[in-house]
């Protein structure tokens, strides 16, 4: 899409597995909305080994180089067999749904920020559970959680931000390394 485009992808009972890399690789757009249709169960599983392993290549089952918003009230299971589960190189926003994410490394990553407004989360990570990693800009690298139910099991940090973690509500069960 054009770098000014707002793109909506609706998952309505999708069950997608990739044998070569990411299931969903978003390269160019202004913002992408991944909508979980009401009453649906969806699943995405990436490859255990990727064909493209260059340093700047995709490394998550759902990988976005732009702002990514997950919304809707459906359910999504993400199996990150290679490295990460859901990763945005910009902002990751989640406004609802039931997400179950397992990842060999980090489960939910937004480089610039992670904003969660509600939802039910079951997260299992070999690295960090929820992560924002921008170290170049002190106004970024933050996580904000405003409600939701979280069960996080992580070998690294349960929730890790470079600048600020702000939690304004929610229920948390976190076991971290």
C-alpha atoms as a PDB file:
ATOM      1  CA  UNK A   1       0.000   0.000   0.000  1.00  0.00           C
ATOM      2  CA  UNK A   2       1.052   3.624  -0.260  1.00  0.00           C
ATOM      3  CA  UNK A   3       2.893   5.026   2.758  1.00  0.00           C
ATOM      4  CA  UNK A   4      -0.155   7.259   3.401  1.00  0.00           C
ATOM      5  CA  UNK A   5      -2.689   4.382   3.288  1.00  0.00           C
ATOM      6  CA  UNK A   6      -4.782   3.196   6.196  1.00  0.00           C
ATOM      7  CA  UNK A   7      -5.254  -0.564   5.734  1.00  0.00           C
ATOM      8  CA  UNK A   8      -7.730  -2.833   7.525  1.00  0.00           C
ATOM      9  CA  UNK A   9      -7.327  -6.614   7.574  1.00  0.00           C
ATOM     10  CA  UNK A  10     -10.240  -8.554   9.075  1.00  0.00           C
ATOM     11  CA  UNK A  11      -9.590 -12.021  10.483  1.00  0.00           C
ATOM     12  CA  UNK A  12     -12.780 -14.094  10.397  1.00  0.00           C
ATOM     13  CA  UNK A  13     -11.899 -17.682  11.306  1.00  0.00           C
ATOM     14  CA  UNK A  14      -8.415 -17.582   9.750  1.00  0.00           C
ATOM     15  CA  UNK A  15      -5.927 -20.386  10.386  1.00  0.00           C
ATOM     16  CA  UNK A  16      -2.691 -19.555   8.565  1.00  0.00           C
ATOM     17  CA  UNK A  17       0.725 -21.230   8.775  1.00  0.00           C
ATOM     18  CA  UNK A  18       3.828 -20.121   6.879  1.00  0.00           C
ATOM     19  CA  UNK A  19       6.531 -22.592   5.891  1.00  0.00           C
ATOM     20  CA  UNK A  20       9.114 -19.908   4.923  1.00  0.00           C
ATOM     21  CA  UNK A  21       8.770 -16.865   7.231  1.00  0.00           C
ATOM     22  CA  UNK A  22       6.233 -14.471   8.742  1.00  0.00           C
ATOM     23  CA  UNK A  23       2.536 -15.151   8.335  1.00  0.00           C
ATOM     24  CA  UNK A  24       1.763 -11.443   7.973  1.00  0.00           C
ATOM     25  CA  UNK A  25       4.573  -9.117   6.835  1.00  0.00           C
ATOM     26  CA  UNK A  26       3.458  -5.491   6.581  1.00  0.00           C
ATOM     27  CA  UNK A  27       6.037  -3.540   4.591  1.00  0.00           C
ATOM     28  CA  UNK A  28       4.511  -0.144   3.741  1.00  0.00           C
ATOM     29  CA  UNK A  29       1.394   1.730   4.917  1.00  0.00           C
ATOM     30  CA  UNK A  30       0.610   4.617   7.244  1.00  0.00           C
ATOM     31  CA  UNK A  31      -1.350   2.492   9.715  1.00  0.00           C
ATOM     32  CA  UNK A  32      -2.620  -1.075   9.640  1.00  0.00           C
ATOM     33  CA  UNK A  33      -5.656  -2.291  11.586  1.00  0.00           C
ATOM     34  CA  UNK A  34      -5.856  -6.035  12.242  1.00  0.00           C
ATOM     35  CA  UNK A  35      -9.477  -6.617  13.234  1.00  0.00           C
ATOM     36  CA  UNK A  36     -10.575  -9.787  15.032  1.00  0.00           C
ATOM     37  CA  UNK A  37     -14.154 -10.355  13.884  1.00  0.00           C
ATOM     38  CA  UNK A  38     -16.691 -10.809  16.693  1.00  0.00           C
ATOM     39  CA  UNK A  39     -17.112 -14.404  17.830  1.00  0.00           C
ATOM     40  CA  UNK A  40     -14.248 -15.779  15.721  1.00  0.00           C
ATOM     41  CA  UNK A  41     -11.176 -17.809  16.588  1.00  0.00           C
ATOM     42  CA  UNK A  42      -8.071 -17.155  14.485  1.00  0.00           C
ATOM     43  CA  UNK A  43      -4.585 -18.648  14.473  1.00  0.00           C
ATOM     44  CA  UNK A  44      -1.259 -17.664  12.879  1.00  0.00           C
ATOM     45  CA  UNK A  45       1.918 -19.741  13.028  1.00  0.00           C
ATOM     46  CA  UNK A  46       5.199 -18.748  11.419  1.00  0.00           C
ATOM     47  CA  UNK A  47       8.011 -20.976  10.172  1.00  0.00           C
ATOM     48  CA  UNK A  48      10.557 -22.368  12.626  1.00  0.00           C
ATOM     49  CA  UNK A  49      13.316 -21.226  10.229  1.00  0.00           C
ATOM     50  CA  UNK A  50      13.079 -18.232   7.867  1.00  0.00           C
ATOM     51  CA  UNK A  51      14.288 -18.142   4.277  1.00  0.00           C
ATOM     52  CA  UNK A  52      15.408 -14.480   4.680  1.00  0.00           C
ATOM     53  CA  UNK A  53      17.654 -14.076   7.728  1.00  0.00           C
ATOM     54  CA  UNK A  54      19.238 -10.701   6.908  1.00  0.00           C
ATOM     55  CA  UNK A  55      19.637  -8.363   9.900  1.00  0.00           C
ATOM     56  CA  UNK A  56      16.690  -6.124   8.879  1.00  0.00           C
ATOM     57  CA  UNK A  57      14.418  -8.994   7.754  1.00  0.00           C
ATOM     58  CA  UNK A  58      11.097  -9.892   9.363  1.00  0.00           C
ATOM     59  CA  UNK A  59      11.486 -12.006  12.510  1.00  0.00           C
ATOM     60  CA  UNK A  60       7.958 -12.373  13.895  1.00  0.00           C
ATOM     61  CA  UNK A  61       4.815 -14.312  13.023  1.00  0.00           C
ATOM     62  CA  UNK A  62       3.053 -10.938  12.611  1.00  0.00           C
ATOM     63  CA  UNK A  63       5.640  -8.335  11.563  1.00  0.00           C
ATOM     64  CA  UNK A  64       4.929  -4.705  10.732  1.00  0.00           C
ATOM     65  CA  UNK A  65       7.295  -1.959   9.660  1.00  0.00           C
ATOM     66  CA  UNK A  66       4.559   0.587  10.430  1.00  0.00           C
ATOM     67  CA  UNK A  67       1.972   1.364  13.142  1.00  0.00           C
ATOM     68  CA  UNK A  68      -0.125  -1.719  13.903  1.00  0.00           C
ATOM     69  CA  UNK A  69      -3.439  -1.720  15.765  1.00  0.00           C
ATOM     70  CA  UNK A  70      -5.170  -4.948  16.800  1.00  0.00           C
ATOM     71  CA  UNK A  71      -8.867  -4.453  17.561  1.00  0.00           C
ATOM     72  CA  UNK A  72     -12.150  -6.318  17.651  1.00  0.00           C
ATOM     73  CA  UNK A  73     -13.566  -8.822  20.108  1.00  0.00           C
ATOM     74  CA  UNK A  74     -12.528 -12.092  18.482  1.00  0.00           C
ATOM     75  CA  UNK A  75      -9.694 -14.386  19.530  1.00  0.00           C
ATOM     76  CA  UNK A  76      -6.219 -14.684  18.021  1.00  0.00           C
ATOM     77  CA  UNK A  77      -3.565 -17.280  18.777  1.00  0.00           C
ATOM     78  CA  UNK A  78      -0.073 -16.473  17.517  1.00  0.00           C
ATOM     79  CA  UNK A  79       2.719 -19.054  17.532  1.00  0.00           C
ATOM     80  CA  UNK A  80       6.099 -17.372  17.030  1.00  0.00           C
ATOM     81  CA  UNK A  81       8.263 -20.402  16.347  1.00  0.00           C
ATOM     82  CA  UNK A  82      11.236 -18.492  14.867  1.00  0.00           C
ATOM     83  CA  UNK A  83      11.676 -15.487  17.196  1.00  0.00           C
ATOM     84  CA  UNK A  84       8.902 -13.008  18.061  1.00  0.00           C
ATOM     85  CA  UNK A  85       5.123 -13.328  18.138  1.00  0.00           C
ATOM     86  CA  UNK A  86       3.727  -9.892  17.204  1.00  0.00           C
ATOM     87  CA  UNK A  87       6.180  -7.097  16.363  1.00  0.00           C
ATOM     88  CA  UNK A  88       5.816  -3.543  15.114  1.00  0.00           C
ATOM     89  CA  UNK A  89       8.885  -1.501  14.202  1.00  0.00           C
ATOM     90  CA  UNK A  90       6.739   1.557  15.126  1.00  0.00           C
ATOM     91  CA  UNK A  91       3.711   1.629  17.440  1.00  0.00           C
ATOM     92  CA  UNK A  92       1.748  -1.439  18.578  1.00  0.00           C
ATOM     93  CA  UNK A  93      -1.757  -0.683  19.870  1.00  0.00           C
ATOM     94  CA  UNK A  94      -4.225  -3.296  21.132  1.00  0.00           C
ATOM     95  CA  UNK A  95      -7.781  -2.261  21.974  1.00  0.00           C
ATOM     96  CA  UNK A  96      -9.468  -5.570  22.764  1.00  0.00           C
ATOM     97  CA  UNK A  97      -9.827  -9.196  21.855  1.00  0.00           C
ATOM     98  CA  UNK A  98      -8.428 -12.362  23.347  1.00  0.00           C
ATOM     99  CA  UNK A  99      -4.784 -12.829  22.418  1.00  0.00           C
ATOM    100  CA  UNK A 100      -2.764 -15.948  23.130  1.00  0.00           C
ATOM    101  CA  UNK A 101       0.829 -15.424  22.049  1.00  0.00           C
ATOM    102  CA  UNK A 102       3.716 -17.841  22.421  1.00  0.00           C
ATOM    103  CA  UNK A 103       7.128 -16.861  21.114  1.00  0.00           C
ATOM    104  CA  UNK A 104      10.608 -18.295  21.064  1.00  0.00           C
ATOM    105  CA  UNK A 105      11.855 -14.776  21.960  1.00  0.00           C
ATOM    106  CA  UNK A 106       9.633 -11.723  22.666  1.00  0.00           C
ATOM    107  CA  UNK A 107       5.837 -12.069  22.509  1.00  0.00           C
ATOM    108  CA  UNK A 108       4.446  -8.516  21.995  1.00  0.00           C
ATOM    109  CA  UNK A 109       6.842  -5.807  20.767  1.00  0.00           C
ATOM    110  CA  UNK A 110       6.341  -2.222  19.645  1.00  0.00           C
ATOM    111  CA  UNK A 111       9.692  -0.569  19.066  1.00  0.00           C
ATOM    112  CA  UNK A 112       8.364   2.989  19.542  1.00  0.00           C
ATOM    113  CA  UNK A 113       5.545   2.118  21.960  1.00  0.00           C
ATOM    114  CA  UNK A 114       3.000  -0.423  23.134  1.00  0.00           C
ATOM    115  CA  UNK A 115      -0.461   0.856  24.111  1.00  0.00           C
ATOM    116  CA  UNK A 116      -3.001  -1.632  25.464  1.00  0.00           C
ATOM    117  CA  UNK A 117      -6.526  -0.405  26.178  1.00  0.00           C
ATOM    118  CA  UNK A 118      -8.250  -3.687  27.014  1.00  0.00           C
ATOM    119  CA  UNK A 119      -8.303  -7.367  26.208  1.00  0.00           C
ATOM    120  CA  UNK A 120      -7.422 -10.766  27.572  1.00  0.00           C
ATOM    121  CA  UNK A 121      -3.814 -11.883  27.152  1.00  0.00           C
ATOM    122  CA  UNK A 122      -2.081 -15.210  27.685  1.00  0.00           C
ATOM    123  CA  UNK A 123       1.583 -14.674  26.847  1.00  0.00           C
ATOM    124  CA  UNK A 124       4.433 -17.187  26.915  1.00  0.00           C
ATOM    125  CA  UNK A 125       7.861 -15.916  25.862  1.00  0.00           C
ATOM    126  CA  UNK A 126      11.400 -17.228  25.738  1.00  0.00           C
ATOM    127  CA  UNK A 127      12.459 -13.554  25.998  1.00  0.00           C
ATOM    128  CA  UNK A 128      10.283 -10.643  27.188  1.00  0.00           C
ATOM    129  CA  UNK A 129       6.488 -10.794  27.420  1.00  0.00           C
ATOM    130  CA  UNK A 130       5.629  -7.200  26.427  1.00  0.00           C
ATOM    131  CA  UNK A 131       8.437  -4.956  25.177  1.00  0.00           C
ATOM    132  CA  UNK A 132       9.146  -1.476  23.799  1.00  0.00           C
ATOM    133  CA  UNK A 133      12.751  -1.084  22.728  1.00  0.00           C
ATOM    134  CA  UNK A 134      13.414   2.371  21.199  1.00  0.00           C
ATOM    135  CA  UNK A 135      16.627   3.692  22.752  1.00  0.00           C
ATOM    136  CA  UNK A 136      17.284   6.449  20.190  1.00  0.00           C
ATOM    137  CA  UNK A 137      14.397   8.790  21.149  1.00  0.00           C
ATOM    138  CA  UNK A 138      13.588   9.540  24.817  1.00  0.00           C
ATOM    139  CA  UNK A 139       9.930  10.311  23.913  1.00  0.00           C
ATOM    140  CA  UNK A 140       9.501   6.734  22.691  1.00  0.00           C
ATOM    141  CA  UNK A 141      10.209   3.285  24.095  1.00  0.00           C
ATOM    142  CA  UNK A 142       7.180   3.358  26.440  1.00  0.00           C
ATOM    143  CA  UNK A 143       4.372   0.981  27.421  1.00  0.00           C
ATOM    144  CA  UNK A 144       0.915   2.089  28.578  1.00  0.00           C
ATOM    145  CA  UNK A 145      -1.696  -0.371  29.866  1.00  0.00           C
ATOM    146  CA  UNK A 146      -5.237   0.822  30.609  1.00  0.00           C
ATOM    147  CA  UNK A 147      -7.076  -2.342  31.579  1.00  0.00           C
ATOM    148  CA  UNK A 148      -7.174  -5.958  30.549  1.00  0.00           C
ATOM    149  CA  UNK A 149      -6.389  -9.349  32.005  1.00  0.00           C
ATOM    150  CA  UNK A 150      -2.819 -10.575  31.660  1.00  0.00           C
ATOM    151  CA  UNK A 151      -1.194 -13.951  32.285  1.00  0.00           C
ATOM    152  CA  UNK A 152       2.460 -13.526  31.310  1.00  0.00           C
ATOM    153  CA  UNK A 153       5.147 -16.213  31.584  1.00  0.00           C
ATOM    154  CA  UNK A 154       8.508 -14.967  30.314  1.00  0.00           C
ATOM    155  CA  UNK A 155      12.089 -16.146  30.599  1.00  0.00           C
ATOM    156  CA  UNK A 156      13.153 -12.479  30.387  1.00  0.00           C
ATOM    157  CA  UNK A 157      11.110  -9.548  31.698  1.00  0.00           C
ATOM    158  CA  UNK A 158       7.340  -9.759  31.978  1.00  0.00           C
ATOM    159  CA  UNK A 159       6.956  -6.127  30.872  1.00  0.00           C
ATOM    160  CA  UNK A 160      10.020  -4.168  29.646  1.00  0.00           C
ATOM    161  CA  UNK A 161      10.194  -0.563  28.379  1.00  0.00           C
ATOM    162  CA  UNK A 162      13.199   1.624  27.639  1.00  0.00           C
ATOM    163  CA  UNK A 163      11.577   4.772  29.098  1.00  0.00           C
ATOM    164  CA  UNK A 164       8.237   4.454  30.932  1.00  0.00           C
ATOM    165  CA  UNK A 165       5.791   1.732  31.949  1.00  0.00           C
ATOM    166  CA  UNK A 166       2.437   3.230  32.927  1.00  0.00           C
ATOM    167  CA  UNK A 167      -0.307   0.926  34.219  1.00  0.00           C
ATOM    168  CA  UNK A 168      -3.730   2.431  34.917  1.00  0.00           C
ATOM    169  CA  UNK A 169      -5.698  -0.729  35.590  1.00  0.00           C
ATOM    170  CA  UNK A 170      -5.887  -4.392  34.784  1.00  0.00           C
ATOM    171  CA  UNK A 171      -5.387  -7.779  36.377  1.00  0.00           C
ATOM    172  CA  UNK A 172      -1.893  -9.262  36.205  1.00  0.00           C
ATOM    173  CA  UNK A 173      -0.365 -12.704  36.793  1.00  0.00           C
ATOM    174  CA  UNK A 174       3.303 -12.404  35.804  1.00  0.00           C
ATOM    175  CA  UNK A 175       6.072 -14.965  36.167  1.00  0.00           C
ATOM    176  CA  UNK A 176       9.374 -13.762  34.749  1.00  0.00           C
ATOM    177  CA  UNK A 177      12.959 -15.018  34.552  1.00  0.00           C
END
